[in-house]
Amino acid sequence: MLSEGVIEWFELFFAYIIMAQLSYGFLVLILGATIIEYYEWGIFRPAETKFQKATNFFLKSIIGIGPYFYHRFSRYSFLKRKLYYLITLIGLTVFGLILIGLIRLIGRIIIKVLI
């Protein structure tokens, strides 16, 4: 049986992943290309072994949303890029809070059904 502690652990796990994505995204907004270089150093291109593929998956799932949008908006001028990126991060923050709320609601429903 799933206990409240296990459900709460899953809720916190997903919340930490979402917050890590957003935190790194705001760090990319502030530091720009400098922090992207550090991210690129951790990515294997092309990934040939299972270790390299696992490393790529881990980095992209934990902090990959910031560099993704940074590269998407790189074709615009500096001010437009920063503005679009900021608007995107604010939207992602709202989406993340809604997603955390949904995960918490689903966890509470599971607890009520199982107990």
PDB file of N, CA and C in Angstrom:
ATOM      1  N   MET A   1       0.840  -1.186   0.000  1.00  0.00           N
ATOM      2  CA  MET A   1       0.000   0.000   0.000  1.00  0.00           C
ATOM      3  C   MET A   1       0.879   1.240   0.000  1.00  0.00           C
ATOM      4  N   LEU A   2       0.398   2.241  -0.674  1.00  0.00           N
ATOM      5  CA  LEU A   2       1.085   3.519  -0.670  1.00  0.00           C
ATOM      6  C   LEU A   2       0.683   4.303   0.575  1.00  0.00           C
ATOM      7  N   SER A   3       1.661   4.786   1.261  1.00  0.00           N
ATOM      8  CA  SER A   3       1.363   5.594   2.434  1.00  0.00           C
ATOM      9  C   SER A   3       1.408   7.069   2.053  1.00  0.00           C
ATOM     10  N   GLU A   4       1.005   7.911   2.993  1.00  0.00           N
ATOM     11  CA  GLU A   4       1.034   9.348   2.742  1.00  0.00           C
ATOM     12  C   GLU A   4       2.454   9.837   2.518  1.00  0.00           C
ATOM     13  N   GLY A   5       3.405   9.222   3.193  1.00  0.00           N
ATOM     14  CA  GLY A   5       4.800   9.623   3.045  1.00  0.00           C
ATOM     15  C   GLY A   5       5.331   9.388   1.646  1.00  0.00           C
ATOM     16  N   VAL A   6       4.963   8.263   1.041  1.00  0.00           N
ATOM     17  CA  VAL A   6       5.425   7.952  -0.314  1.00  0.00           C
ATOM     18  C   VAL A   6       4.790   8.911  -1.321  1.00  0.00           C
ATOM     19  N   ILE A   7       3.502   9.166  -1.169  1.00  0.00           N
ATOM     20  CA  ILE A   7       2.810  10.106  -2.066  1.00  0.00           C
ATOM     21  C   ILE A   7       3.427  11.496  -1.932  1.00  0.00           C
ATOM     22  N   GLU A   8       3.680  11.917  -0.702  1.00  0.00           N
ATOM     23  CA  GLU A   8       4.285  13.233  -0.482  1.00  0.00           C
ATOM     24  C   GLU A   8       5.693  13.291  -1.070  1.00  0.00           C
ATOM     25  N   TRP A   9       6.423  12.185  -1.000  1.00  0.00           N
ATOM     26  CA  TRP A   9       7.762  12.143  -1.577  1.00  0.00           C
ATOM     27  C   TRP A   9       7.697  12.341  -3.093  1.00  0.00           C
ATOM     28  N   PHE A  10       6.739  11.686  -3.751  1.00  0.00           N
ATOM     29  CA  PHE A  10       6.574  11.867  -5.191  1.00  0.00           C
ATOM     30  C   PHE A  10       6.201  13.310  -5.531  1.00  0.00           C
ATOM     31  N   GLU A  11       5.318  13.904  -4.731  1.00  0.00           N
ATOM     32  CA  GLU A  11       4.947  15.297  -4.954  1.00  0.00           C
ATOM     33  C   GLU A  11       6.165  16.200  -4.857  1.00  0.00           C
ATOM     34  N   LEU A  12       6.959  16.015  -3.837  1.00  0.00           N
ATOM     35  CA  LEU A  12       8.151  16.837  -3.655  1.00  0.00           C
ATOM     36  C   LEU A  12       9.177  16.588  -4.754  1.00  0.00           C
ATOM     37  N   PHE A  13       9.317  15.350  -5.191  1.00  0.00           N
ATOM     38  CA  PHE A  13      10.256  15.012  -6.255  1.00  0.00           C
ATOM     39  C   PHE A  13       9.925  15.781  -7.531  1.00  0.00           C
ATOM     40  N   PHE A  14       8.655  15.754  -7.934  1.00  0.00           N
ATOM     41  CA  PHE A  14       8.251  16.472  -9.139  1.00  0.00           C
ATOM     42  C   PHE A  14       8.348  17.986  -8.941  1.00  0.00           C
ATOM     43  N   ALA A  15       8.029  18.465  -7.759  1.00  0.00           N
ATOM     44  CA  ALA A  15       8.151  19.897  -7.489  1.00  0.00           C
ATOM     45  C   ALA A  15       9.612  20.340  -7.570  1.00  0.00           C
ATOM     46  N   TYR A  16      10.529  19.527  -7.059  1.00  0.00           N
ATOM     47  CA  TYR A  16      11.952  19.874  -7.119  1.00  0.00           C
ATOM     48  C   TYR A  16      12.460  19.899  -8.561  1.00  0.00           C
ATOM     49  N   ILE A  17      12.006  18.972  -9.370  1.00  0.00           N
ATOM     50  CA  ILE A  17      12.427  18.960 -10.774  1.00  0.00           C
ATOM     51  C   ILE A  17      11.916  20.203 -11.500  1.00  0.00           C
ATOM     52  N   ILE A  18      10.663  20.546 -11.277  1.00  0.00           N
ATOM     53  CA  ILE A  18      10.101  21.733 -11.918  1.00  0.00           C
ATOM     54  C   ILE A  18      10.825  22.990 -11.451  1.00  0.00           C
ATOM     55  N   MET A  19      11.087  23.101 -10.160  1.00  0.00           N
ATOM     56  CA  MET A  19      11.777  24.275  -9.640  1.00  0.00           C
ATOM     57  C   MET A  19      13.233  24.336 -10.098  1.00  0.00           C
ATOM     58  N   ALA A  20      13.874  23.193 -10.258  1.00  0.00           N
ATOM     59  CA  ALA A  20      15.248  23.186 -10.770  1.00  0.00           C
ATOM     60  C   ALA A  20      15.278  23.682 -12.209  1.00  0.00           C
ATOM     61  N   GLN A  21      14.304  23.248 -13.008  1.00  0.00           N
ATOM     62  CA  GLN A  21      14.215  23.720 -14.393  1.00  0.00           C
ATOM     63  C   GLN A  21      14.051  25.238 -14.434  1.00  0.00           C
ATOM     64  N   LEU A  22      13.139  25.750 -13.629  1.00  0.00           N
ATOM     65  CA  LEU A  22      12.868  27.179 -13.646  1.00  0.00           C
ATOM     66  C   LEU A  22      14.037  27.984 -13.079  1.00  0.00           C
ATOM     67  N   SER A  23      14.666  27.474 -12.037  1.00  0.00           N
ATOM     68  CA  SER A  23      15.820  28.169 -11.457  1.00  0.00           C
ATOM     69  C   SER A  23      16.957  28.264 -12.459  1.00  0.00           C
ATOM     70  N   TYR A  24      17.237  27.178 -13.136  1.00  0.00           N
ATOM     71  CA  TYR A  24      18.291  27.205 -14.149  1.00  0.00           C
ATOM     72  C   TYR A  24      17.891  28.109 -15.316  1.00  0.00           C
ATOM     73  N   GLY A  25      16.604  28.141 -15.640  1.00  0.00           N
ATOM     74  CA  GLY A  25      16.128  29.031 -16.686  1.00  0.00           C
ATOM     75  C   GLY A  25      16.369  30.493 -16.343  1.00  0.00           C
ATOM     76  N   PHE A  26      16.091  30.879 -15.094  1.00  0.00           N
ATOM     77  CA  PHE A  26      16.356  32.255 -14.684  1.00  0.00           C
ATOM     78  C   PHE A  26      17.850  32.540 -14.616  1.00  0.00           C
ATOM     79  N   LEU A  27      18.643  31.525 -14.287  1.00  0.00           N
ATOM     80  CA  LEU A  27      20.096  31.694 -14.310  1.00  0.00           C
ATOM     81  C   LEU A  27      20.583  31.927 -15.739  1.00  0.00           C
ATOM     82  N   VAL A  28      19.998  31.233 -16.692  1.00  0.00           N
ATOM     83  CA  VAL A  28      20.338  31.449 -18.101  1.00  0.00           C
ATOM     84  C   VAL A  28      19.933  32.861 -18.517  1.00  0.00           C
ATOM     85  N   LEU A  29      18.804  33.342 -18.028  1.00  0.00           N
ATOM     86  CA  LEU A  29      18.373  34.702 -18.342  1.00  0.00           C
ATOM     87  C   LEU A  29      19.398  35.722 -17.857  1.00  0.00           C
ATOM     88  N   ILE A  30      19.944  35.510 -16.686  1.00  0.00           N
ATOM     89  CA  ILE A  30      20.882  36.464 -16.099  1.00  0.00           C
ATOM     90  C   ILE A  30      22.277  36.330 -16.708  1.00  0.00           C
ATOM     91  N   LEU A  31      22.790  35.099 -16.815  1.00  0.00           N
ATOM     92  CA  LEU A  31      24.173  34.901 -17.246  1.00  0.00           C
ATOM     93  C   LEU A  31      24.336  34.623 -18.738  1.00  0.00           C
ATOM     94  N   GLY A  32      23.290  34.211 -19.401  1.00  0.00           N
ATOM     95  CA  GLY A  32      23.311  34.031 -20.847  1.00  0.00           C
ATOM     96  C   GLY A  32      24.266  32.958 -21.335  1.00  0.00           C
ATOM     97  N   ALA A  33      25.116  33.334 -22.288  1.00  0.00           N
ATOM     98  CA  ALA A  33      25.986  32.391 -22.983  1.00  0.00           C
ATOM     99  C   ALA A  33      26.989  31.715 -22.046  1.00  0.00           C
ATOM    100  N   THR A  34      27.348  32.375 -20.962  1.00  0.00           N
ATOM    101  CA  THR A  34      28.316  31.790 -20.028  1.00  0.00           C
ATOM    102  C   THR A  34      27.785  30.489 -19.433  1.00  0.00           C
ATOM    103  N   ILE A  35      26.563  30.517 -18.957  1.00  0.00           N
ATOM    104  CA  ILE A  35      25.997  29.317 -18.320  1.00  0.00           C
ATOM    105  C   ILE A  35      25.623  28.276 -19.375  1.00  0.00           C
ATOM    106  N   ILE A  36      25.314  28.710 -20.591  1.00  0.00           N
ATOM    107  CA  ILE A  36      25.024  27.770 -21.678  1.00  0.00           C
ATOM    108  C   ILE A  36      26.273  26.976 -22.028  1.00  0.00           C
ATOM    109  N   GLU A  37      27.437  27.614 -21.990  1.00  0.00           N
ATOM    110  CA  GLU A  37      28.691  26.900 -22.266  1.00  0.00           C
ATOM    111  C   GLU A  37      28.923  25.785 -21.254  1.00  0.00           C
ATOM    112  N   TYR A  38      28.657  26.058 -19.989  1.00  0.00           N
ATOM    113  CA  TYR A  38      28.812  25.014 -18.971  1.00  0.00           C
ATOM    114  C   TYR A  38      27.833  23.862 -19.211  1.00  0.00           C
ATOM    115  N   TYR A  39      26.635  24.195 -19.624  1.00  0.00           N
ATOM    116  CA  TYR A  39      25.649  23.166 -19.947  1.00  0.00           C
ATOM    117  C   TYR A  39      26.124  22.327 -21.135  1.00  0.00           C
ATOM    118  N   GLU A  40      26.638  22.985 -22.173  1.00  0.00           N
ATOM    119  CA  GLU A  40      27.102  22.277 -23.369  1.00  0.00           C
ATOM    120  C   GLU A  40      28.288  21.371 -23.067  1.00  0.00           C
ATOM    121  N   TRP A  41      29.129  21.745 -22.117  1.00  0.00           N
ATOM    122  CA  TRP A  41      30.256  20.889 -21.744  1.00  0.00           C
ATOM    123  C   TRP A  41      29.772  19.561 -21.150  1.00  0.00           C
ATOM    124  N   GLY A  42      28.604  19.562 -20.527  1.00  0.00           N
ATOM    125  CA  GLY A  42      28.081  18.343 -19.911  1.00  0.00           C
ATOM    126  C   GLY A  42      27.326  17.440 -20.861  1.00  0.00           C
ATOM    127  N   ILE A  43      27.024  17.928 -22.054  1.00  0.00           N
ATOM    128  CA  ILE A  43      26.264  17.156 -23.032  1.00  0.00           C
ATOM    129  C   ILE A  43      27.229  16.481 -24.002  1.00  0.00           C
ATOM    130  N   PHE A  44      26.990  15.198 -24.254  1.00  0.00           N
ATOM    131  CA  PHE A  44      27.799  14.449 -25.212  1.00  0.00           C
ATOM    132  C   PHE A  44      27.135  14.509 -26.585  1.00  0.00           C
ATOM    133  N   ARG A  45      27.887  14.940 -27.586  1.00  0.00           N
ATOM    134  CA  ARG A  45      27.377  15.007 -28.957  1.00  0.00           C
ATOM    135  C   ARG A  45      28.364  14.308 -29.876  1.00  0.00           C
ATOM    136  N   PRO A  46      28.045  13.272 -30.498  1.00  0.00           N
ATOM    137  CA  PRO A  46      26.869  12.416 -30.344  1.00  0.00           C
ATOM    138  C   PRO A  46      27.068  11.452 -29.170  1.00  0.00           C
ATOM    139  N   ALA A  47      26.000  11.105 -28.534  1.00  0.00           N
ATOM    140  CA  ALA A  47      26.052  10.156 -27.421  1.00  0.00           C
ATOM    141  C   ALA A  47      26.134   8.744 -27.987  1.00  0.00           C
ATOM    142  N   GLU A  48      27.224   8.050 -27.663  1.00  0.00           N
ATOM    143  CA  GLU A  48      27.433   6.719 -28.226  1.00  0.00           C
ATOM    144  C   GLU A  48      27.224   5.606 -27.216  1.00  0.00           C
ATOM    145  N   THR A  49      27.667   5.799 -25.984  1.00  0.00           N
ATOM    146  CA  THR A  49      27.536   4.742 -24.981  1.00  0.00           C
ATOM    147  C   THR A  49      26.290   4.982 -24.131  1.00  0.00           C
ATOM    148  N   LYS A  50      25.929   3.967 -23.370  1.00  0.00           N
ATOM    149  CA  LYS A  50      24.765   4.097 -22.487  1.00  0.00           C
ATOM    150  C   LYS A  50      25.019   5.125 -21.397  1.00  0.00           C
ATOM    151  N   PHE A  51      26.258   5.212 -20.923  1.00  0.00           N
ATOM    152  CA  PHE A  51      26.592   6.215 -19.916  1.00  0.00           C
ATOM    153  C   PHE A  51      26.388   7.629 -20.468  1.00  0.00           C
ATOM    154  N   GLN A  52      26.836   7.869 -21.682  1.00  0.00           N
ATOM    155  CA  GLN A  52      26.676   9.187 -22.297  1.00  0.00           C
ATOM    156  C   GLN A  52      25.203   9.513 -22.519  1.00  0.00           C
ATOM    157  N   LYS A  53      24.444   8.520 -22.949  1.00  0.00           N
ATOM    158  CA  LYS A  53      23.014   8.737 -23.153  1.00  0.00           C
ATOM    159  C   LYS A  53      22.307   9.006 -21.832  1.00  0.00           C
ATOM    160  N   ALA A  54      22.704   8.294 -20.778  1.00  0.00           N
ATOM    161  CA  ALA A  54      22.112   8.516 -19.455  1.00  0.00           C
ATOM    162  C   ALA A  54      22.468   9.904 -18.921  1.00  0.00           C
ATOM    163  N   THR A  55      23.703  10.330 -19.148  1.00  0.00           N
ATOM    164  CA  THR A  55      24.127  11.665 -18.718  1.00  0.00           C
ATOM    165  C   THR A  55      23.333  12.735 -19.458  1.00  0.00           C
ATOM    166  N   ASN A  56      23.181  12.580 -20.754  1.00  0.00           N
ATOM    167  CA  ASN A  56      22.387  13.539 -21.534  1.00  0.00           C
ATOM    168  C   ASN A  56      20.940  13.590 -21.040  1.00  0.00           C
ATOM    169  N   PHE A  57      20.348  12.428 -20.800  1.00  0.00           N
ATOM    170  CA  PHE A  57      18.970  12.377 -20.317  1.00  0.00           C
ATOM    171  C   PHE A  57      18.844  13.079 -18.970  1.00  0.00           C
ATOM    172  N   PHE A  58      19.787  12.817 -18.067  1.00  0.00           N
ATOM    173  CA  PHE A  58      19.741  13.430 -16.747  1.00  0.00           C
ATOM    174  C   PHE A  58      19.839  14.954 -16.845  1.00  0.00           C
ATOM    175  N   LEU A  59      20.805  15.451 -17.600  1.00  0.00           N
ATOM    176  CA  LEU A  59      20.980  16.903 -17.717  1.00  0.00           C
ATOM    177  C   LEU A  59      19.783  17.565 -18.387  1.00  0.00           C
ATOM    178  N   LYS A  60      19.285  16.961 -19.442  1.00  0.00           N
ATOM    179  CA  LYS A  60      18.157  17.573 -20.149  1.00  0.00           C
ATOM    180  C   LYS A  60      16.875  17.521 -19.331  1.00  0.00           C
ATOM    181  N   SER A  61      16.702  16.483 -18.512  1.00  0.00           N
ATOM    182  CA  SER A  61      15.482  16.394 -17.720  1.00  0.00           C
ATOM    183  C   SER A  61      15.537  17.270 -16.475  1.00  0.00           C
ATOM    184  N   ILE A  62      16.722  17.562 -15.971  1.00  0.00           N
ATOM    185  CA  ILE A  62      16.826  18.374 -14.758  1.00  0.00           C
ATOM    186  C   ILE A  62      16.962  19.863 -15.090  1.00  0.00           C
ATOM    187  N   ILE A  63      17.781  20.225 -16.078  1.00  0.00           N
ATOM    188  CA  ILE A  63      18.019  21.652 -16.346  1.00  0.00           C
ATOM    189  C   ILE A  63      17.937  22.003 -17.828  1.00  0.00           C
ATOM    190  N   GLY A  64      17.265  21.236 -18.622  1.00  0.00           N
ATOM    191  CA  GLY A  64      17.304  21.424 -20.072  1.00  0.00           C
ATOM    192  C   GLY A  64      16.383  22.465 -20.654  1.00  0.00           C
ATOM    193  N   ILE A  65      15.398  22.946 -19.914  1.00  0.00           N
ATOM    194  CA  ILE A  65      14.428  23.855 -20.523  1.00  0.00           C
ATOM    195  C   ILE A  65      15.012  25.242 -20.771  1.00  0.00           C
ATOM    196  N   GLY A  66      15.911  25.687 -19.909  1.00  0.00           N
ATOM    197  CA  GLY A  66      16.544  26.992 -20.092  1.00  0.00           C
ATOM    198  C   GLY A  66      17.372  27.060 -21.363  1.00  0.00           C
ATOM    199  N   PRO A  67      18.324  26.140 -21.551  1.00  0.00           N
ATOM    200  CA  PRO A  67      19.095  26.149 -22.798  1.00  0.00           C
ATOM    201  C   PRO A  67      18.243  25.929 -24.046  1.00  0.00           C
ATOM    202  N   TYR A  68      17.190  25.151 -23.926  1.00  0.00           N
ATOM    203  CA  TYR A  68      16.316  24.921 -25.087  1.00  0.00           C
ATOM    204  C   TYR A  68      15.720  26.238 -25.580  1.00  0.00           C
ATOM    205  N   PHE A  69      15.117  26.998 -24.680  1.00  0.00           N
ATOM    206  CA  PHE A  69      14.515  28.260 -25.090  1.00  0.00           C
ATOM    207  C   PHE A  69      15.569  29.311 -25.423  1.00  0.00           C
ATOM    208  N   TYR A  70      16.736  29.236 -24.792  1.00  0.00           N
ATOM    209  CA  TYR A  70      17.817  30.161 -25.129  1.00  0.00           C
ATOM    210  C   TYR A  70      18.213  29.995 -26.597  1.00  0.00           C
ATOM    211  N   HIS A  71      18.335  28.757 -27.039  1.00  0.00           N
ATOM    212  CA  HIS A  71      18.685  28.504 -28.435  1.00  0.00           C
ATOM    213  C   HIS A  71      17.522  28.851 -29.376  1.00  0.00           C
ATOM    214  N   ARG A  72      16.292  28.668 -28.932  1.00  0.00           N
ATOM    215  CA  ARG A  72      15.130  29.011 -29.761  1.00  0.00           C
ATOM    216  C   ARG A  72      15.043  30.497 -30.044  1.00  0.00           C
ATOM    217  N   PHE A  73      15.390  31.309 -29.026  1.00  0.00           N
ATOM    218  CA  PHE A  73      15.285  32.755 -29.163  1.00  0.00           C
ATOM    219  C   PHE A  73      16.586  33.413 -29.596  1.00  0.00           C
ATOM    220  N   SER A  74      17.596  32.646 -29.948  1.00  0.00           N
ATOM    221  CA  SER A  74      18.899  33.217 -30.284  1.00  0.00           C
ATOM    222  C   SER A  74      18.897  33.992 -31.602  1.00  0.00           C
ATOM    223  N   ARG A  75      17.889  33.824 -32.427  1.00  0.00           N
ATOM    224  CA  ARG A  75      17.852  34.525 -33.717  1.00  0.00           C
ATOM    225  C   ARG A  75      17.389  35.975 -33.587  1.00  0.00           C
ATOM    226  N   TYR A  76      16.835  36.347 -32.424  1.00  0.00           N
ATOM    227  CA  TYR A  76      16.349  37.702 -32.223  1.00  0.00           C
ATOM    228  C   TYR A  76      17.456  38.605 -31.679  1.00  0.00           C
ATOM    229  N   SER A  77      17.204  39.914 -31.707  1.00  0.00           N
ATOM    230  CA  SER A  77      18.163  40.858 -31.146  1.00  0.00           C
ATOM    231  C   SER A  77      18.227  40.675 -29.629  1.00  0.00           C
ATOM    232  N   PHE A  78      19.227  41.271 -29.020  1.00  0.00           N
ATOM    233  CA  PHE A  78      19.481  41.059 -27.592  1.00  0.00           C
ATOM    234  C   PHE A  78      18.261  41.391 -26.729  1.00  0.00           C
ATOM    235  N   LEU A  79      17.679  42.562 -26.911  1.00  0.00           N
ATOM    236  CA  LEU A  79      16.550  42.970 -26.063  1.00  0.00           C
ATOM    237  C   LEU A  79      15.305  42.134 -26.323  1.00  0.00           C
ATOM    238  N   LYS A  80      15.014  41.843 -27.597  1.00  0.00           N
ATOM    239  CA  LYS A  80      13.869  40.990 -27.902  1.00  0.00           C
ATOM    240  C   LYS A  80      14.062  39.599 -27.327  1.00  0.00           C
ATOM    241  N   ARG A  81      15.274  39.072 -27.456  1.00  0.00           N
ATOM    242  CA  ARG A  81      15.573  37.732 -26.941  1.00  0.00           C
ATOM    243  C   ARG A  81      15.343  37.669 -25.441  1.00  0.00           C
ATOM    244  N   LYS A  82      15.850  38.658 -24.722  1.00  0.00           N
ATOM    245  CA  LYS A  82      15.683  38.677 -23.264  1.00  0.00           C
ATOM    246  C   LYS A  82      14.221  38.844 -22.873  1.00  0.00           C
ATOM    247  N   LEU A  83      13.501  39.692 -23.596  1.00  0.00           N
ATOM    248  CA  LEU A  83      12.082  39.899 -23.300  1.00  0.00           C
ATOM    249  C   LEU A  83      11.272  38.645 -23.566  1.00  0.00           C
ATOM    250  N   TYR A  84      11.467  38.020 -24.721  1.00  0.00           N
ATOM    251  CA  TYR A  84      10.748  36.783 -25.040  1.00  0.00           C
ATOM    252  C   TYR A  84      11.086  35.673 -24.047  1.00  0.00           C
ATOM    253  N   TYR A  85      12.344  35.616 -23.682  1.00  0.00           N
ATOM    254  CA  TYR A  85      12.777  34.580 -22.739  1.00  0.00           C
ATOM    255  C   TYR A  85      12.144  34.815 -21.366  1.00  0.00           C
ATOM    256  N   LEU A  86      12.094  36.074 -20.929  1.00  0.00           N
ATOM    257  CA  LEU A  86      11.475  36.393 -19.642  1.00  0.00           C
ATOM    258  C   LEU A  86       9.990  36.067 -19.654  1.00  0.00           C
ATOM    259  N   ILE A  87       9.296  36.418 -20.731  1.00  0.00           N
ATOM    260  CA  ILE A  87       7.869  36.106 -20.835  1.00  0.00           C
ATOM    261  C   ILE A  87       7.658  34.593 -20.830  1.00  0.00           C
ATOM    262  N   THR A  88       8.516  33.869 -21.528  1.00  0.00           N
ATOM    263  CA  THR A  88       8.418  32.405 -21.543  1.00  0.00           C
ATOM    264  C   THR A  88       8.634  31.821 -20.149  1.00  0.00           C
ATOM    265  N   LEU A  89       9.622  32.333 -19.430  1.00  0.00           N
ATOM    266  CA  LEU A  89       9.886  31.819 -18.085  1.00  0.00           C
ATOM    267  C   LEU A  89       8.757  32.138 -17.114  1.00  0.00           C
ATOM    268  N   ILE A  90       8.159  33.303 -17.247  1.00  0.00           N
ATOM    269  CA  ILE A  90       7.016  33.628 -16.398  1.00  0.00           C
ATOM    270  C   ILE A  90       5.854  32.685 -16.710  1.00  0.00           C
ATOM    271  N   GLY A  91       5.612  32.432 -17.986  1.00  0.00           N
ATOM    272  CA  GLY A  91       4.570  31.478 -18.368  1.00  0.00           C
ATOM    273  C   GLY A  91       4.866  30.078 -17.870  1.00  0.00           C
ATOM    274  N   LEU A  92       6.127  29.661 -17.973  1.00  0.00           N
ATOM    275  CA  LEU A  92       6.513  28.337 -17.470  1.00  0.00           C
ATOM    276  C   LEU A  92       6.392  28.254 -15.954  1.00  0.00           C
ATOM    277  N   THR A  93       6.648  29.358 -15.265  1.00  0.00           N
ATOM    278  CA  THR A  93       6.489  29.375 -13.813  1.00  0.00           C
ATOM    279  C   THR A  93       5.032  29.172 -13.433  1.00  0.00           C
ATOM    280  N   VAL A  94       4.142  29.871 -14.106  1.00  0.00           N
ATOM    281  CA  VAL A  94       2.705  29.696 -13.845  1.00  0.00           C
ATOM    282  C   VAL A  94       2.287  28.266 -14.170  1.00  0.00           C
ATOM    283  N   PHE A  95       2.737  27.752 -15.322  1.00  0.00           N
ATOM    284  CA  PHE A  95       2.431  26.373 -15.695  1.00  0.00           C
ATOM    285  C   PHE A  95       2.983  25.387 -14.670  1.00  0.00           C
ATOM    286  N   GLY A  96       4.203  25.632 -14.184  1.00  0.00           N
ATOM    287  CA  GLY A  96       4.801  24.757 -13.181  1.00  0.00           C
ATOM    288  C   GLY A  96       4.025  24.749 -11.887  1.00  0.00           C
ATOM    289  N   LEU A  97       3.563  25.922 -11.448  1.00  0.00           N
ATOM    290  CA  LEU A  97       2.760  25.982 -10.217  1.00  0.00           C
ATOM    291  C   LEU A  97       1.440  25.256 -10.392  1.00  0.00           C
ATOM    292  N   ILE A  98       0.820  25.395 -11.556  1.00  0.00           N
ATOM    293  CA  ILE A  98      -0.422  24.664 -11.826  1.00  0.00           C
ATOM    294  C   ILE A  98      -0.151  23.166 -11.851  1.00  0.00           C
ATOM    295  N   LEU A  99       0.941  22.764 -12.468  1.00  0.00           N
ATOM    296  CA  LEU A  99       1.288  21.342 -12.535  1.00  0.00           C
ATOM    297  C   LEU A  99       1.567  20.768 -11.150  1.00  0.00           C
ATOM    298  N   ILE A 100       2.264  21.523 -10.317  1.00  0.00           N
ATOM    299  CA  ILE A 100       2.517  21.071  -8.944  1.00  0.00           C
ATOM    300  C   ILE A 100       1.197  20.930  -8.195  1.00  0.00           C
ATOM    301  N   GLY A 101       0.287  21.881  -8.385  1.00  0.00           N
ATOM    302  CA  GLY A 101      -1.034  21.787  -7.752  1.00  0.00           C
ATOM    303  C   GLY A 101      -1.807  20.567  -8.220  1.00  0.00           C
ATOM    304  N   LEU A 102      -1.732  20.259  -9.517  1.00  0.00           N
ATOM    305  CA  LEU A 102      -2.414  19.073 -10.039  1.00  0.00           C
ATOM    306  C   LEU A 102      -1.808  17.783  -9.487  1.00  0.00           C
ATOM    307  N   ILE A 103      -0.491  17.751  -9.406  1.00  0.00           N
ATOM    308  CA  ILE A 103       0.171  16.568  -8.844  1.00  0.00           C
ATOM    309  C   ILE A 103      -0.226  16.385  -7.389  1.00  0.00           C
ATOM    310  N   ARG A 104      -0.291  17.486  -6.659  1.00  0.00           N
ATOM    311  CA  ARG A 104      -0.699  17.422  -5.254  1.00  0.00           C
ATOM    312  C   ARG A 104      -2.153  16.963  -5.131  1.00  0.00           C
ATOM    313  N   LEU A 105      -3.030  17.471  -6.008  1.00  0.00           N
ATOM    314  CA  LEU A 105      -4.438  17.072  -5.985  1.00  0.00           C
ATOM    315  C   LEU A 105      -4.583  15.582  -6.300  1.00  0.00           C
ATOM    316  N   ILE A 106      -3.870  15.106  -7.300  1.00  0.00           N
ATOM    317  CA  ILE A 106      -3.923  13.685  -7.646  1.00  0.00           C
ATOM    318  C   ILE A 106      -3.397  12.835  -6.490  1.00  0.00           C
ATOM    319  N   GLY A 107      -2.336  13.305  -5.846  1.00  0.00           N
ATOM    320  CA  GLY A 107      -1.811  12.581  -4.680  1.00  0.00           C
ATOM    321  C   GLY A 107      -2.820  12.493  -3.557  1.00  0.00           C
ATOM    322  N   ARG A 108      -3.526  13.589  -3.300  1.00  0.00           N
ATOM    323  CA  ARG A 108      -4.547  13.579  -2.243  1.00  0.00           C
ATOM    324  C   ARG A 108      -5.705  12.647  -2.610  1.00  0.00           C
ATOM    325  N   ILE A 109      -6.069  12.616  -3.878  1.00  0.00           N
ATOM    326  CA  ILE A 109      -7.157  11.714  -4.305  1.00  0.00           C
ATOM    327  C   ILE A 109      -6.711  10.261  -4.124  1.00  0.00           C
ATOM    328  N   ILE A 110      -5.478   9.960  -4.479  1.00  0.00           N
ATOM    329  CA  ILE A 110      -4.965   8.592  -4.315  1.00  0.00           C
ATOM    330  C   ILE A 110      -4.980   8.201  -2.837  1.00  0.00           C
ATOM    331  N   ILE A 111      -4.583   9.106  -1.973  1.00  0.00           N
ATOM    332  CA  ILE A 111      -4.581   8.819  -0.535  1.00  0.00           C
ATOM    333  C   ILE A 111      -5.993   8.543  -0.038  1.00  0.00           C
ATOM    334  N   LYS A 112      -6.982   9.336  -0.475  1.00  0.00           N
ATOM    335  CA  LYS A 112      -8.368   9.121  -0.040  1.00  0.00           C
ATOM    336  C   LYS A 112      -8.919   7.800  -0.548  1.00  0.00           C
ATOM    337  N   VAL A 113      -8.542   7.412  -1.761  1.00  0.00           N
ATOM    338  CA  VAL A 113      -9.058   6.161  -2.336  1.00  0.00           C
ATOM    339  C   VAL A 113      -8.429   4.968  -1.615  1.00  0.00           C
ATOM    340  N   LEU A 114      -7.131   5.039  -1.312  1.00  0.00           N
ATOM    341  CA  LEU A 114      -6.456   3.905  -0.711  1.00  0.00           C
ATOM    342  C   LEU A 114      -6.679   3.774   0.790  1.00  0.00           C
ATOM    343  N   ILE A 115      -7.030   4.852   1.443  1.00  0.00           N
ATOM    344  CA  ILE A 115      -7.187   4.769   2.909  1.00  0.00           C
ATOM    345  C   ILE A 115      -8.636   4.710   3.291  1.00  0.00           C
TER     346      ILE A 115
END
